[in-house]
Amino acid sequence: MSVHHTGGCQCGAVRFRVEGEMRDSSVCYCRMCQKASAAYALALVNTSGANLTWTRGQPSWFQSSNVARRGFCEKCGTPLAYDAPDGLALSVVAFDDPAALPPTVAWGTESKLPWCDAVPELPAHGTMEDTGAADFLASIVSYQHPDHDTDNWPPEER
């Protein structure tokens, strides 16, 4: 059986499957990736040499430069893809198991925010440790798509 990975957007309107080996997983700190992901870095993995299938829906595209476009879910806004002359890359965190695709290189470090390296040293707490927000946290009902393929989405009971 071939190696495969699945993933998709937060709302489940767009899902994908990649069969085959993916290489060149990276983190990019460039300003364009920061804005595209609304984060201080964007983790991407190149799909060149693998077979990508959009299994539910299709991404919408924004032409972010003269040579690249960014794919995203038009319903929930999740960043999904980066398409450039060197191939199509997918957002690592859009995969159902992002831990399976660890970055091996960092790009765009000239735009790396000065506080990025200090993030791992910040005091760390689990979500449920915020006792002041316990009632709020207990009331949350997630409508996010689960981290696995589903035959139908969204479920009828919403």
Protein backbone atom coordinates (compact mmCIF):
# COMPACT_ATOMS: atom_id res chain seq x y z
CA MET A 1 0.00 0.00 0.00
CA SER A 2 1.36 3.42 -0.90
CA VAL A 3 2.02 6.20 1.55
CA HIS A 4 -0.91 8.60 1.72
CA HIS A 5 -1.91 11.66 3.70
CA THR A 6 -5.29 13.37 3.98
CA GLY A 7 -6.31 16.82 5.09
CA GLY A 8 -8.51 19.80 4.47
CA CYS A 9 -9.89 23.04 5.72
CA GLN A 10 -11.40 23.86 9.09
CA CYS A 11 -15.04 23.68 7.95
CA GLY A 12 -14.67 20.52 5.81
CA ALA A 13 -15.79 22.11 2.53
CA VAL A 14 -12.40 21.33 0.94
CA ARG A 15 -10.60 18.02 1.50
CA PHE A 16 -7.57 16.48 -0.21
CA ARG A 17 -5.59 13.25 -0.41
CA VAL A 18 -1.93 12.95 -1.35
CA GLU A 19 -0.56 9.57 -2.39
CA GLY A 20 3.19 9.03 -2.54
CA GLU A 21 6.23 10.50 -0.85
CA MET A 22 6.36 14.22 -0.20
CA ARG A 23 9.65 15.95 0.39
CA ASP A 24 10.81 19.48 1.03
CA SER A 25 8.71 20.26 4.07
CA SER A 26 9.68 23.74 5.18
CA VAL A 27 8.75 26.73 7.26
CA CYS A 28 8.67 30.13 5.59
CA TYR A 29 8.95 33.37 7.58
CA CYS A 30 8.65 35.71 4.56
CA ARG A 31 6.16 38.54 4.90
CA MET A 32 3.95 37.15 2.14
CA CYS A 33 3.61 33.79 3.95
CA GLN A 34 3.00 35.58 7.24
CA LYS A 35 0.10 37.50 5.75
CA ALA A 36 -1.27 34.49 3.85
CA SER A 37 -1.39 32.41 7.04
CA ALA A 38 -2.04 35.20 9.58
CA ALA A 39 0.79 33.64 11.58
CA TYR A 40 4.47 34.31 12.13
CA ALA A 41 5.42 31.44 9.77
CA LEU A 42 3.80 29.09 7.27
CA ALA A 43 4.74 25.41 7.14
CA LEU A 44 4.48 23.99 3.61
CA VAL A 45 5.23 20.64 1.99
CA ASN A 46 5.82 20.27 -1.75
CA THR A 47 3.63 17.71 -3.52
CA SER A 48 5.87 17.32 -6.61
CA GLY A 49 6.22 13.64 -7.43
CA ALA A 50 3.12 12.72 -5.41
CA ASN A 51 -0.48 12.45 -6.56
CA LEU A 52 -2.77 15.16 -5.14
CA THR A 53 -6.54 14.73 -5.40
CA TRP A 54 -9.09 17.24 -4.16
CA THR A 55 -11.64 14.82 -2.67
CA ARG A 56 -14.26 17.37 -1.58
CA GLY A 57 -14.61 20.81 -3.07
CA GLN A 58 -11.82 22.89 -4.57
CA PRO A 59 -9.76 25.73 -3.17
CA SER A 60 -10.30 29.30 -4.28
CA TRP A 61 -7.17 31.09 -5.45
CA PHE A 62 -5.57 34.46 -4.76
CA GLN A 63 -2.75 35.59 -7.07
CA SER A 64 -0.31 36.79 -4.39
CA SER A 65 2.49 37.74 -6.80
CA ASN A 66 3.33 37.62 -10.48
CA VAL A 67 4.63 34.04 -10.04
CA ALA A 68 2.60 32.48 -7.24
CA ARG A 69 -0.96 31.96 -6.11
CA ARG A 70 -2.43 30.89 -2.77
CA GLY A 71 -5.25 28.38 -2.37
CA PHE A 72 -7.76 28.74 0.47
CA CYS A 73 -11.25 27.63 1.45
CA GLU A 74 -13.71 30.32 0.38
CA LYS A 75 -16.13 29.29 3.15
CA CYS A 76 -13.88 29.33 6.23
CA GLY A 77 -10.69 30.99 4.98
CA THR A 78 -8.27 28.20 5.85
CA PRO A 79 -4.97 28.60 3.94
CA LEU A 80 -4.42 25.38 1.99
CA ALA A 81 -1.93 25.73 -0.85
CA TYR A 82 0.92 27.64 -2.42
CA ASP A 83 1.31 27.18 -6.19
CA ALA A 84 4.54 28.44 -7.81
CA PRO A 85 6.82 27.42 -10.69
CA ASP A 86 8.60 24.86 -8.49
CA GLY A 87 5.33 23.02 -7.80
CA LEU A 88 2.26 22.99 -5.60
CA ALA A 89 2.83 22.92 -1.85
CA LEU A 90 0.19 22.31 0.80
CA SER A 91 -0.04 23.83 4.26
CA VAL A 92 1.36 21.26 6.68
CA VAL A 93 -1.15 22.19 9.39
CA ALA A 94 -4.05 21.52 7.00
CA PHE A 95 -3.13 17.81 7.04
CA ASP A 96 -5.00 15.50 9.41
CA ASP A 97 -1.63 14.44 10.89
CA PRO A 98 0.66 17.47 10.58
CA ALA A 99 3.22 15.89 12.92
CA ALA A 100 4.00 13.37 10.15
CA LEU A 101 5.43 16.13 7.92
CA PRO A 102 8.06 17.95 10.02
CA PRO A 103 9.90 20.83 8.35
CA THR A 104 13.55 20.29 7.50
CA VAL A 105 14.49 23.84 6.45
CA ALA A 106 13.44 27.45 7.11
CA TRP A 107 13.12 30.08 4.40
CA GLY A 108 12.46 33.82 4.41
CA THR A 109 14.36 34.30 7.64
CA GLU A 110 15.02 37.97 6.77
CA SER A 111 11.37 38.62 7.75
CA LYS A 112 11.37 36.44 10.84
CA LEU A 113 9.80 38.42 13.67
CA PRO A 114 12.28 39.20 16.45
CA TRP A 115 10.25 37.34 19.11
CA CYS A 116 9.84 34.01 17.22
CA ASP A 117 12.80 32.30 18.83
CA ALA A 118 11.50 33.16 22.31
CA VAL A 119 8.10 31.47 21.81
CA PRO A 120 9.25 28.00 23.01
CA GLU A 121 10.57 29.59 26.21
CA LEU A 122 7.24 31.21 27.17
CA PRO A 123 5.37 29.77 30.16
CA ALA A 124 3.28 26.91 28.76
CA HIS A 125 -0.19 25.84 29.90
CA GLY A 126 -2.79 23.40 28.64
CA THR A 127 -6.07 24.92 27.47
CA MET A 128 -8.05 23.53 30.41
CA GLU A 129 -5.57 25.00 32.93
CA ASP A 130 -7.19 28.42 32.41
CA THR A 131 -9.49 28.13 35.43
CA GLY A 132 -10.90 31.63 34.85
CA ALA A 133 -12.26 30.44 31.51
CA ALA A 134 -13.43 26.99 32.66
CA ASP A 135 -17.17 27.67 32.21
CA PHE A 136 -16.57 29.22 28.79
CA LEU A 137 -14.32 26.35 27.69
CA ALA A 138 -16.83 23.75 28.89
CA SER A 139 -19.57 25.41 26.81
CA ILE A 140 -17.69 25.16 23.49
CA VAL A 141 -19.20 22.92 20.81
CA SER A 142 -16.79 22.53 17.91
CA TYR A 143 -18.10 22.63 14.35
CA GLN A 144 -14.62 22.04 12.99
CA HIS A 145 -14.17 19.11 10.63
CA PRO A 146 -12.47 16.18 12.41
CA ASP A 147 -8.93 15.14 11.49
CA HIS A 148 -10.03 12.28 9.22
CA ASP A 149 -12.08 11.80 6.07
CA THR A 150 -15.86 11.79 6.40
CA ASP A 151 -18.45 10.62 3.88
CA ASN A 152 -20.77 13.54 4.60
CA TRP A 153 -20.11 16.91 6.12
CA PRO A 154 -21.44 18.77 7.98
CA PRO A 155 -23.34 16.35 10.17
CA GLU A 156 -27.11 16.79 10.20
CA GLU A 157 -27.41 17.38 13.97
CA ARG A 158 -26.07 20.97 13.96
